[in-house]
N, C-alpha and C. Protein backbone atom coordinates (compact mmCIF):
# COMPACT_ATOMS: atom_id res chain seq x y z
N UNK A 1 13.09 2.82 9.34
CA UNK A 1 12.19 2.75 8.17
C UNK A 1 10.99 3.64 8.68
N UNK A 2 10.59 4.63 7.96
CA UNK A 2 9.39 5.39 8.12
C UNK A 2 8.23 4.47 7.85
N UNK A 3 7.08 4.94 8.43
CA UNK A 3 5.64 4.54 7.95
C UNK A 3 5.52 4.73 6.48
N UNK A 4 5.71 5.76 5.88
CA UNK A 4 5.55 6.17 4.67
C UNK A 4 6.22 5.26 3.74
N UNK A 5 7.62 4.97 4.08
CA UNK A 5 8.47 4.01 3.42
C UNK A 5 7.93 2.66 3.28
N UNK A 6 7.60 2.06 4.49
CA UNK A 6 6.92 0.91 4.52
C UNK A 6 5.61 0.74 3.71
N UNK A 7 4.71 1.98 3.76
CA UNK A 7 3.48 2.02 2.96
C UNK A 7 3.70 1.83 1.53
N UNK A 8 4.76 2.66 0.94
CA UNK A 8 5.06 2.52 -0.44
C UNK A 8 5.58 1.10 -0.91
N UNK A 9 6.38 0.68 0.04
CA UNK A 9 6.99 -0.76 -0.25
C UNK A 9 5.91 -1.81 -0.33
N UNK A 10 5.09 -1.87 0.69
CA UNK A 10 3.95 -2.74 0.59
C UNK A 10 2.99 -2.55 -0.46
N UNK A 11 2.71 -1.32 -0.83
CA UNK A 11 1.88 -1.38 -2.10
C UNK A 11 2.60 -1.77 -3.41
N UNK A 12 3.76 -1.58 -3.35
CA UNK A 12 4.56 -1.99 -4.51
C UNK A 12 4.68 -3.43 -4.52
N UNK A 13 4.74 -4.26 -3.25
CA UNK A 13 4.81 -5.64 -3.46
C UNK A 13 3.55 -6.26 -3.79
N UNK A 14 2.45 -5.47 -3.30
CA UNK A 14 1.05 -6.10 -3.37
C UNK A 14 0.83 -5.87 -4.98
N UNK A 15 1.19 -4.97 -5.51
CA UNK A 15 0.81 -4.76 -7.05
C UNK A 15 1.71 -5.71 -7.89
N UNK A 16 2.87 -5.90 -7.37
CA UNK A 16 3.77 -6.93 -8.19
C UNK A 16 3.09 -8.34 -8.04
N UNK A 17 2.48 -8.67 -7.02
CA UNK A 17 1.74 -9.87 -6.80
C UNK A 17 0.46 -9.89 -7.53
N UNK A 18 0.09 -8.87 -7.95
CA UNK A 18 -1.18 -8.72 -8.69
C UNK A 18 -2.29 -9.05 -7.71
N UNK A 19 -2.31 -8.48 -6.56
CA UNK A 19 -3.43 -8.74 -5.52
C UNK A 19 -3.98 -7.28 -5.40
N UNK A 20 -5.30 -7.29 -5.09
CA UNK A 20 -6.12 -6.30 -4.50
C UNK A 20 -5.82 -6.11 -3.12
N UNK A 21 -6.13 -4.97 -2.52
CA UNK A 21 -6.11 -4.90 -1.23
C UNK A 21 -6.90 -5.83 -0.48
N UNK A 22 -8.12 -6.12 -1.00
CA UNK A 22 -8.84 -7.15 -0.30
C UNK A 22 -8.43 -8.58 -0.29
N UNK A 23 -7.77 -8.77 -1.58
CA UNK A 23 -7.21 -10.12 -1.64
C UNK A 23 -6.07 -10.42 -0.62
N UNK A 24 -5.16 -9.42 -0.63
CA UNK A 24 -4.08 -9.50 0.31
C UNK A 24 -4.60 -9.57 1.79
N UNK A 25 -5.69 -8.78 1.97
CA UNK A 25 -5.97 -8.78 3.24
C UNK A 25 -6.49 -10.38 3.70
N UNK A 26 -7.30 -10.88 2.88
CA UNK A 26 -7.72 -12.22 2.90
C UNK A 26 -6.69 -13.37 3.18
N UNK A 27 -5.56 -13.07 2.19
CA UNK A 27 -4.49 -14.17 2.27
C UNK A 27 -3.57 -13.90 3.55
N UNK A 28 -3.66 -12.61 4.11
CA UNK A 28 -2.77 -12.54 5.36
C UNK A 28 -3.67 -12.39 6.68
N UNK A 29 -4.85 -12.75 6.58
CA UNK A 29 -5.91 -12.85 7.58
C UNK A 29 -5.92 -11.68 8.42
N UNK A 30 -5.98 -10.76 7.52
CA UNK A 30 -6.13 -9.25 8.11
C UNK A 30 -7.43 -8.61 7.63
N UNK A 31 -7.88 -7.56 8.09
CA UNK A 31 -9.04 -6.80 7.62
C UNK A 31 -8.70 -6.03 6.53
N UNK A 32 -9.55 -5.63 5.56
CA UNK A 32 -9.04 -5.00 4.43
C UNK A 32 -8.73 -3.55 4.96
N UNK A 33 -9.37 -3.09 6.05
CA UNK A 33 -9.11 -1.68 6.48
C UNK A 33 -7.72 -1.59 7.04
N UNK A 34 -7.13 -2.59 7.59
CA UNK A 34 -5.83 -2.66 8.12
C UNK A 34 -4.77 -2.45 6.90
N UNK A 35 -5.12 -3.29 5.85
CA UNK A 35 -4.18 -3.00 4.60
C UNK A 35 -4.35 -1.68 4.13
N UNK A 36 -5.49 -1.08 3.99
CA UNK A 36 -5.53 0.17 3.42
C UNK A 36 -4.85 1.18 4.29
N UNK A 37 -5.07 0.94 5.69
CA UNK A 37 -4.43 1.94 6.50
C UNK A 37 -2.88 1.70 6.48
N UNK A 38 -2.45 0.57 6.37
CA UNK A 38 -0.92 0.47 6.23
C UNK A 38 -0.43 1.01 4.91
N UNK A 39 -1.14 0.81 3.86
CA UNK A 39 -0.64 1.65 2.45
C UNK A 39 -0.86 2.78 2.56
N UNK A 40 -1.62 3.53 3.25
CA UNK A 40 -1.79 5.00 3.46
C UNK A 40 -0.92 5.59 4.53
N UNK A 41 -0.27 4.73 5.19
CA UNK A 41 0.53 5.11 6.36
C UNK A 41 -0.31 5.91 7.39
N UNK A 42 -1.50 5.54 7.60
CA UNK A 42 -2.46 6.16 8.38
C UNK A 42 -2.54 5.67 9.83
N UNK A 43 -1.93 4.52 10.06
CA UNK A 43 -1.86 3.89 11.45
C UNK A 43 -1.06 4.76 12.20
N UNK A 44 -1.36 5.07 13.58
CA UNK A 44 -0.41 5.77 14.36
C UNK A 44 0.91 5.19 14.67
N UNK A 45 1.00 3.86 14.69
CA UNK A 45 2.18 3.32 14.85
C UNK A 45 2.65 2.31 13.82
N UNK A 46 3.84 1.69 14.17
CA UNK A 46 4.35 0.59 13.21
C UNK A 46 3.56 -0.58 13.25
N UNK A 47 3.49 -1.30 12.08
CA UNK A 47 2.88 -2.60 12.09
C UNK A 47 3.56 -3.54 13.04
N UNK A 48 2.89 -4.37 13.73
CA UNK A 48 3.27 -5.48 14.57
C UNK A 48 4.16 -6.46 13.79
N UNK A 49 4.91 -7.01 14.39
CA UNK A 49 5.76 -8.28 13.77
C UNK A 49 5.07 -9.20 13.10
N UNK A 50 3.99 -9.47 13.94
CA UNK A 50 2.95 -10.58 13.45
C UNK A 50 2.30 -10.15 12.09
N UNK A 51 1.86 -8.80 11.98
CA UNK A 51 1.51 -8.44 10.89
C UNK A 51 2.30 -8.40 9.64
N UNK A 52 3.63 -7.99 9.85
CA UNK A 52 4.69 -8.04 8.86
C UNK A 52 4.81 -9.49 8.38
N UNK A 53 5.00 -10.32 9.34
CA UNK A 53 5.03 -11.85 8.90
C UNK A 53 4.06 -12.25 8.09
N UNK A 54 2.62 -11.90 8.59
CA UNK A 54 1.60 -12.31 7.78
C UNK A 54 1.55 -11.81 6.28
N UNK A 55 1.99 -10.56 6.16
CA UNK A 55 1.94 -9.86 4.84
C UNK A 55 3.01 -10.48 3.85
N UNK A 56 4.23 -10.78 4.60
CA UNK A 56 5.47 -11.27 3.78
C UNK A 56 4.77 -12.71 3.28
N UNK A 57 4.29 -13.63 4.04
CA UNK A 57 3.93 -14.85 3.68
C UNK A 57 2.80 -14.77 2.60
N UNK A 58 1.81 -13.95 2.96
CA UNK A 58 0.66 -13.72 1.74
C UNK A 58 1.09 -13.21 0.49
N UNK A 59 2.23 -12.33 0.60
CA UNK A 59 2.83 -11.96 -0.63
C UNK A 59 3.80 -12.90 -1.32
N UNK A 60 4.25 -13.84 -0.60
CA UNK A 60 5.30 -14.78 -1.16
C UNK A 60 6.66 -14.12 -1.22
N UNK A 61 6.99 -13.25 -0.25
CA UNK A 61 8.33 -12.68 -0.36
C UNK A 61 9.11 -12.82 0.88
N UNK A 62 10.20 -12.72 0.97
CA UNK A 62 11.01 -12.70 2.33
C UNK A 62 10.89 -11.30 2.97
N UNK A 63 11.16 -11.41 4.31
CA UNK A 63 11.05 -10.17 5.14
C UNK A 63 11.97 -9.08 4.52
N UNK A 64 13.13 -9.52 4.09
CA UNK A 64 14.11 -8.59 3.56
C UNK A 64 13.62 -7.81 2.59
N UNK A 65 12.45 -8.25 1.58
CA UNK A 65 11.86 -7.31 0.68
C UNK A 65 11.31 -6.00 1.16
N UNK A 66 10.90 -6.10 2.33
CA UNK A 66 10.44 -4.75 2.96
C UNK A 66 11.36 -3.70 3.40
N UNK A 67 12.60 -4.25 3.39
CA UNK A 67 13.84 -3.37 3.49
C UNK A 67 14.32 -2.64 2.25
N UNK A 68 14.00 -3.31 1.15
CA UNK A 68 14.38 -2.69 -0.18
C UNK A 68 13.58 -1.44 -0.34
N UNK A 69 14.45 -0.51 -0.95
CA UNK A 69 13.75 0.89 -1.32
C UNK A 69 12.61 0.62 -2.21
N UNK A 70 11.47 1.58 -2.26
CA UNK A 70 10.45 1.48 -3.24
C UNK A 70 11.08 1.67 -4.66
N UNK A 71 10.73 1.22 -5.66
CA UNK A 71 11.28 1.65 -6.91
C UNK A 71 10.34 2.49 -7.82
N UNK A 72 9.07 2.62 -7.37
CA UNK A 72 8.13 3.36 -8.07
C UNK A 72 7.51 4.18 -7.24
N UNK A 73 7.54 5.50 -7.66
CA UNK A 73 6.72 6.44 -6.73
C UNK A 73 5.13 6.05 -6.77
N UNK A 74 4.42 6.39 -5.67
CA UNK A 74 3.04 6.42 -5.59
C UNK A 74 2.39 7.48 -6.43
N UNK A 75 1.60 7.15 -7.32
CA UNK A 75 1.12 8.09 -8.30
C UNK A 75 0.20 9.20 -7.47
N UNK A 76 0.41 10.54 -7.84
CA UNK A 76 -0.35 11.55 -7.08
C UNK A 76 -1.84 11.51 -7.45
N UNK A 77 -2.63 12.25 -6.43
CA UNK A 77 -4.12 12.26 -6.56
C UNK A 77 -4.36 12.83 -8.02
N UNK A 78 -5.45 12.46 -8.63
CA UNK A 78 -5.81 13.07 -9.89
C UNK A 78 -6.26 14.50 -9.51
N UNK A 79 -5.89 15.29 -10.56
CA UNK A 79 -6.43 16.62 -10.21
C UNK A 79 -7.74 16.86 -10.84
N UNK A 80 -8.51 17.98 -10.39
CA UNK A 80 -9.67 18.07 -10.65
C UNK A 80 -9.79 18.66 -12.25
N UNK A 81 -10.61 18.25 -13.01
CA UNK A 81 -10.66 18.81 -14.51
C UNK A 81 -10.82 20.34 -14.40
N UNK A 82 -10.08 20.86 -15.29
CA UNK A 82 -10.31 22.37 -15.45
C UNK A 82 -11.41 22.60 -16.06
N UNK A 83 -12.04 23.81 -15.64
CA UNK A 83 -13.18 24.25 -16.19
C UNK A 83 -12.90 25.05 -17.74
N UNK A 84 -13.91 24.79 -18.59
CA UNK A 84 -13.66 25.24 -19.86
C UNK A 84 -13.95 26.77 -19.79
N UNK A 85 -13.33 27.63 -20.45
CA UNK A 85 -13.77 29.06 -20.54
C UNK A 85 -14.82 29.20 -21.37
N UNK A 86 -15.58 30.29 -20.83
CA UNK A 86 -16.84 30.60 -21.63
C UNK A 86 -18.18 30.13 -20.96
N UNK A 87 -18.00 29.39 -19.83
CA UNK A 87 -19.10 28.89 -19.05
C UNK A 87 -19.50 27.50 -19.31
N UNK A 88 -20.67 27.09 -19.67
CA UNK A 88 -21.08 25.83 -19.77
C UNK A 88 -20.93 25.34 -21.22
N UNK A 89 -20.77 24.04 -21.28
CA UNK A 89 -20.48 23.50 -22.63
C UNK A 89 -21.52 22.76 -23.19
């Protein structure tokens, strides 16, 4: 499983549990920064076993939930608004 796959699944499970990143971090006894980095797949290595166990417990899911494929894609970044023709409005 790639970090990107784990990141998408973690975000999906968190949203299904209706938790913010901050709330999940508190419940899992992790820093908010750790949850943010895991969801962005920006950590340079896989999460530790202890971290995955803490996340599963905080989310109220079994570990096998992380092995399920994400069912919803992560929304893309919003695009910049297009400039109106003719200068200022």
